[in-house]
Amino acid sequence: MEDKTIAFVEGATHKFTPAKHMEKQPGEFGDTMKTLHDYLDEWLSGRFV
């Protein structure tokens, strides 16, 4: 079984921190690092349970 997933974190830089210089409103992209970690937690939990 091949397992390939692509995911994007809107508003994140390559280091997954918020791209504040691209925000139209302060805080627009929220906590991109939390978004990343929450997604990875859910993705990994579905594979190694």
PDB file of N, CA and C in Angstrom:
ATOM      1  N   MET A   1       0.842  -1.181   0.000  1.00  0.00           N
ATOM      2  CA  MET A   1       0.000   0.000   0.000  1.00  0.00           C
ATOM      3  C   MET A   1       0.888   1.245   0.000  1.00  0.00           C
ATOM      4  N   GLU A   2       0.649   2.128  -0.939  1.00  0.00           N
ATOM      5  CA  GLU A   2       1.369   3.395  -0.961  1.00  0.00           C
ATOM      6  C   GLU A   2       0.616   4.400  -0.125  1.00  0.00           C
ATOM      7  N   ASP A   3       1.358   5.136   0.680  1.00  0.00           N
ATOM      8  CA  ASP A   3       0.741   6.146   1.528  1.00  0.00           C
ATOM      9  C   ASP A   3       1.384   7.488   1.219  1.00  0.00           C
ATOM     10  N   LYS A   4       0.674   8.281   0.459  1.00  0.00           N
ATOM     11  CA  LYS A   4       1.188   9.603   0.110  1.00  0.00           C
ATOM     12  C   LYS A   4       0.134  10.637   0.453  1.00  0.00           C
ATOM     13  N   THR A   5       0.567  11.653   1.141  1.00  0.00           N
ATOM     14  CA  THR A   5      -0.326  12.742   1.515  1.00  0.00           C
ATOM     15  C   THR A   5       0.413  14.047   1.320  1.00  0.00           C
ATOM     16  N   ILE A   6      -0.287  15.028   0.785  1.00  0.00           N
ATOM     17  CA  ILE A   6       0.283  16.361   0.693  1.00  0.00           C
ATOM     18  C   ILE A   6      -0.635  17.281   1.491  1.00  0.00           C
ATOM     19  N   ALA A   7      -0.030  18.135   2.254  1.00  0.00           N
ATOM     20  CA  ALA A   7      -0.814  19.068   3.064  1.00  0.00           C
ATOM     21  C   ALA A   7      -0.122  20.423   3.059  1.00  0.00           C
ATOM     22  N   PHE A   8      -0.914  21.444   3.172  1.00  0.00           N
ATOM     23  CA  PHE A   8      -0.398  22.806   3.198  1.00  0.00           C
ATOM     24  C   PHE A   8      -0.896  23.492   4.458  1.00  0.00           C
ATOM     25  N   VAL A   9      -0.053  24.324   5.036  1.00  0.00           N
ATOM     26  CA  VAL A   9      -0.471  25.139   6.176  1.00  0.00           C
ATOM     27  C   VAL A   9      -0.553  26.568   5.652  1.00  0.00           C
ATOM     28  N   GLU A  10      -1.773  27.046   5.469  1.00  0.00           N
ATOM     29  CA  GLU A  10      -1.976  28.381   4.917  1.00  0.00           C
ATOM     30  C   GLU A  10      -1.319  29.432   5.803  1.00  0.00           C
ATOM     31  N   GLY A  11      -0.538  30.284   5.178  1.00  0.00           N
ATOM     32  CA  GLY A  11       0.100  31.379   5.888  1.00  0.00           C
ATOM     33  C   GLY A  11       1.385  31.019   6.589  1.00  0.00           C
ATOM     34  N   ALA A  12       1.887  29.813   6.360  1.00  0.00           N
ATOM     35  CA  ALA A  12       3.126  29.386   7.017  1.00  0.00           C
ATOM     36  C   ALA A  12       4.324  29.602   6.103  1.00  0.00           C
ATOM     37  N   THR A  13       5.459  29.906   6.714  1.00  0.00           N
ATOM     38  CA  THR A  13       6.708  30.000   5.975  1.00  0.00           C
ATOM     39  C   THR A  13       7.265  28.581   5.818  1.00  0.00           C
ATOM     40  N   HIS A  14       8.442  28.455   5.234  1.00  0.00           N
ATOM     41  CA  HIS A  14       9.070  27.140   5.077  1.00  0.00           C
ATOM     42  C   HIS A  14       9.456  26.533   6.426  1.00  0.00           C
ATOM     43  N   LYS A  15       9.550  27.364   7.444  1.00  0.00           N
ATOM     44  CA  LYS A  15       9.843  26.865   8.798  1.00  0.00           C
ATOM     45  C   LYS A  15       8.563  26.733   9.620  1.00  0.00           C
ATOM     46  N   PHE A  16       7.412  26.861   8.958  1.00  0.00           N
ATOM     47  CA  PHE A  16       6.078  26.692   9.541  1.00  0.00           C
ATOM     48  C   PHE A  16       5.679  27.774  10.542  1.00  0.00           C
ATOM     49  N   THR A  17       6.420  28.867  10.597  1.00  0.00           N
ATOM     50  CA  THR A  17       6.019  29.991  11.430  1.00  0.00           C
ATOM     51  C   THR A  17       5.091  30.882  10.595  1.00  0.00           C
ATOM     52  N   PRO A  18       4.253  31.703  11.236  1.00  0.00           N
ATOM     53  CA  PRO A  18       3.340  32.545  10.463  1.00  0.00           C
ATOM     54  C   PRO A  18       4.097  33.540   9.574  1.00  0.00           C
ATOM     55  N   ALA A  19       3.623  33.698   8.366  1.00  0.00           N
ATOM     56  CA  ALA A  19       4.206  34.667   7.436  1.00  0.00           C
ATOM     57  C   ALA A  19       3.568  36.029   7.720  1.00  0.00           C
ATOM     58  N   LYS A  20       3.990  36.643   8.808  1.00  0.00           N
ATOM     59  CA  LYS A  20       3.385  37.894   9.273  1.00  0.00           C
ATOM     60  C   LYS A  20       3.471  38.996   8.225  1.00  0.00           C
ATOM     61  N   HIS A  21       4.503  38.981   7.415  1.00  0.00           N
ATOM     62  CA  HIS A  21       4.654  40.006   6.383  1.00  0.00           C
ATOM     63  C   HIS A  21       3.603  39.879   5.276  1.00  0.00           C
ATOM     64  N   MET A  22       2.900  38.755   5.221  1.00  0.00           N
ATOM     65  CA  MET A  22       1.873  38.529   4.207  1.00  0.00           C
ATOM     66  C   MET A  22       0.456  38.736   4.736  1.00  0.00           C
ATOM     67  N   GLU A  23       0.313  38.924   6.037  1.00  0.00           N
ATOM     68  CA  GLU A  23      -1.009  39.077   6.637  1.00  0.00           C
ATOM     69  C   GLU A  23      -1.643  40.413   6.250  1.00  0.00           C
ATOM     70  N   LYS A  24      -2.915  40.385   5.948  1.00  0.00           N
ATOM     71  CA  LYS A  24      -3.668  41.604   5.685  1.00  0.00           C
ATOM     72  C   LYS A  24      -4.162  42.188   7.007  1.00  0.00           C
ATOM     73  N   GLN A  25      -4.373  41.303   7.977  1.00  0.00           N
ATOM     74  CA  GLN A  25      -4.790  41.691   9.324  1.00  0.00           C
ATOM     75  C   GLN A  25      -3.865  40.974  10.306  1.00  0.00           C
ATOM     76  N   PRO A  26      -3.463  41.637  11.381  1.00  0.00           N
ATOM     77  CA  PRO A  26      -2.609  40.964  12.363  1.00  0.00           C
ATOM     78  C   PRO A  26      -3.280  39.690  12.899  1.00  0.00           C
ATOM     79  N   GLY A  27      -2.536  38.613  12.913  1.00  0.00           N
ATOM     80  CA  GLY A  27      -3.058  37.342  13.417  1.00  0.00           C
ATOM     81  C   GLY A  27      -3.899  36.564  12.428  1.00  0.00           C
ATOM     82  N   GLU A  28      -3.942  36.988  11.194  1.00  0.00           N
ATOM     83  CA  GLU A  28      -4.784  36.359  10.169  1.00  0.00           C
ATOM     84  C   GLU A  28      -4.514  34.860  10.014  1.00  0.00           C
ATOM     85  N   PHE A  29      -3.260  34.452  10.080  1.00  0.00           N
ATOM     86  CA  PHE A  29      -2.917  33.052   9.856  1.00  0.00           C
ATOM     87  C   PHE A  29      -2.922  32.231  11.139  1.00  0.00           C
ATOM     88  N   GLY A  30      -3.077  32.872  12.266  1.00  0.00           N
ATOM     89  CA  GLY A  30      -3.164  32.153  13.534  1.00  0.00           C
ATOM     90  C   GLY A  30      -1.852  31.482  13.909  1.00  0.00           C
ATOM     91  N   ASP A  31      -1.970  30.422  14.673  1.00  0.00           N
ATOM     92  CA  ASP A  31      -0.804  29.678  15.165  1.00  0.00           C
ATOM     93  C   ASP A  31      -0.496  28.548  14.190  1.00  0.00           C
ATOM     94  N   THR A  32       0.316  28.848  13.181  1.00  0.00           N
ATOM     95  CA  THR A  32       0.606  27.873  12.127  1.00  0.00           C
ATOM     96  C   THR A  32       1.369  26.659  12.660  1.00  0.00           C
ATOM     97  N   MET A  33       2.179  26.853  13.673  1.00  0.00           N
ATOM     98  CA  MET A  33       2.914  25.728  14.253  1.00  0.00           C
ATOM     99  C   MET A  33       1.945  24.750  14.932  1.00  0.00           C
ATOM    100  N   LYS A  34       0.940  25.275  15.619  1.00  0.00           N
ATOM    101  CA  LYS A  34      -0.073  24.422  16.257  1.00  0.00           C
ATOM    102  C   LYS A  34      -0.879  23.690  15.189  1.00  0.00           C
ATOM    103  N   THR A  35      -1.233  24.399  14.121  1.00  0.00           N
ATOM    104  CA  THR A  35      -1.965  23.776  13.024  1.00  0.00           C
ATOM    105  C   THR A  35      -1.178  22.594  12.467  1.00  0.00           C
ATOM    106  N   LEU A  36       0.105  22.794  12.250  1.00  0.00           N
ATOM    107  CA  LEU A  36       0.972  21.732  11.748  1.00  0.00           C
ATOM    108  C   LEU A  36       1.002  20.540  12.698  1.00  0.00           C
ATOM    109  N   HIS A  37       1.248  20.795  13.978  1.00  0.00           N
ATOM    110  CA  HIS A  37       1.364  19.711  14.944  1.00  0.00           C
ATOM    111  C   HIS A  37       0.043  18.982  15.149  1.00  0.00           C
ATOM    112  N   ASP A  38      -1.057  19.699  15.141  1.00  0.00           N
ATOM    113  CA  ASP A  38      -2.369  19.049  15.259  1.00  0.00           C
ATOM    114  C   ASP A  38      -2.622  18.134  14.070  1.00  0.00           C
ATOM    115  N   TYR A  39      -2.285  18.597  12.869  1.00  0.00           N
ATOM    116  CA  TYR A  39      -2.475  17.785  11.675  1.00  0.00           C
ATOM    117  C   TYR A  39      -1.597  16.523  11.735  1.00  0.00           C
ATOM    118  N   LEU A  40      -0.333  16.705  12.081  1.00  0.00           N
ATOM    119  CA  LEU A  40       0.580  15.552  12.157  1.00  0.00           C
ATOM    120  C   LEU A  40       0.118  14.547  13.207  1.00  0.00           C
ATOM    121  N   ASP A  41      -0.355  15.034  14.342  1.00  0.00           N
ATOM    122  CA  ASP A  41      -0.867  14.152  15.395  1.00  0.00           C
ATOM    123  C   ASP A  41      -2.020  13.300  14.872  1.00  0.00           C
ATOM    124  N   GLU A  42      -2.954  13.948  14.197  1.00  0.00           N
ATOM    125  CA  GLU A  42      -4.110  13.225  13.659  1.00  0.00           C
ATOM    126  C   GLU A  42      -3.679  12.241  12.577  1.00  0.00           C
ATOM    127  N   TRP A  43      -2.795  12.674  11.695  1.00  0.00           N
ATOM    128  CA  TRP A  43      -2.337  11.823  10.591  1.00  0.00           C
ATOM    129  C   TRP A  43      -1.592  10.602  11.116  1.00  0.00           C
ATOM    130  N   LEU A  44      -0.688  10.813  12.048  1.00  0.00           N
ATOM    131  CA  LEU A  44       0.082   9.694  12.592  1.00  0.00           C
ATOM    132  C   LEU A  44      -0.781   8.761  13.426  1.00  0.00           C
ATOM    133  N   SER A  45      -1.724   9.304  14.153  1.00  0.00           N
ATOM    134  CA  SER A  45      -2.607   8.473  14.989  1.00  0.00           C
ATOM    135  C   SER A  45      -3.399   7.500  14.133  1.00  0.00           C
ATOM    136  N   GLY A  46      -3.734   7.885  12.941  1.00  0.00           N
ATOM    137  CA  GLY A  46      -4.495   7.015  12.045  1.00  0.00           C
ATOM    138  C   GLY A  46      -3.663   5.895  11.457  1.00  0.00           C
ATOM    139  N   ARG A  47      -2.359   5.959  11.569  1.00  0.00           N
ATOM    140  CA  ARG A  47      -1.489   4.952  10.965  1.00  0.00           C
ATOM    141  C   ARG A  47      -0.812   4.034  11.967  1.00  0.00           C
ATOM    142  N   PHE A  48      -0.657   4.468  13.178  1.00  0.00           N
ATOM    143  CA  PHE A  48       0.099   3.683  14.143  1.00  0.00           C
ATOM    144  C   PHE A  48      -0.713   3.317  15.384  1.00  0.00           C
ATOM    145  N   VAL A  49      -1.999   3.105  15.184  1.00  0.00           N
ATOM    146  CA  VAL A  49      -2.855   2.752  16.329  1.00  0.00           C
ATOM    147  C   VAL A  49      -2.898   1.254  16.476  1.00  0.00           C
TER     148      VAL A  49
END
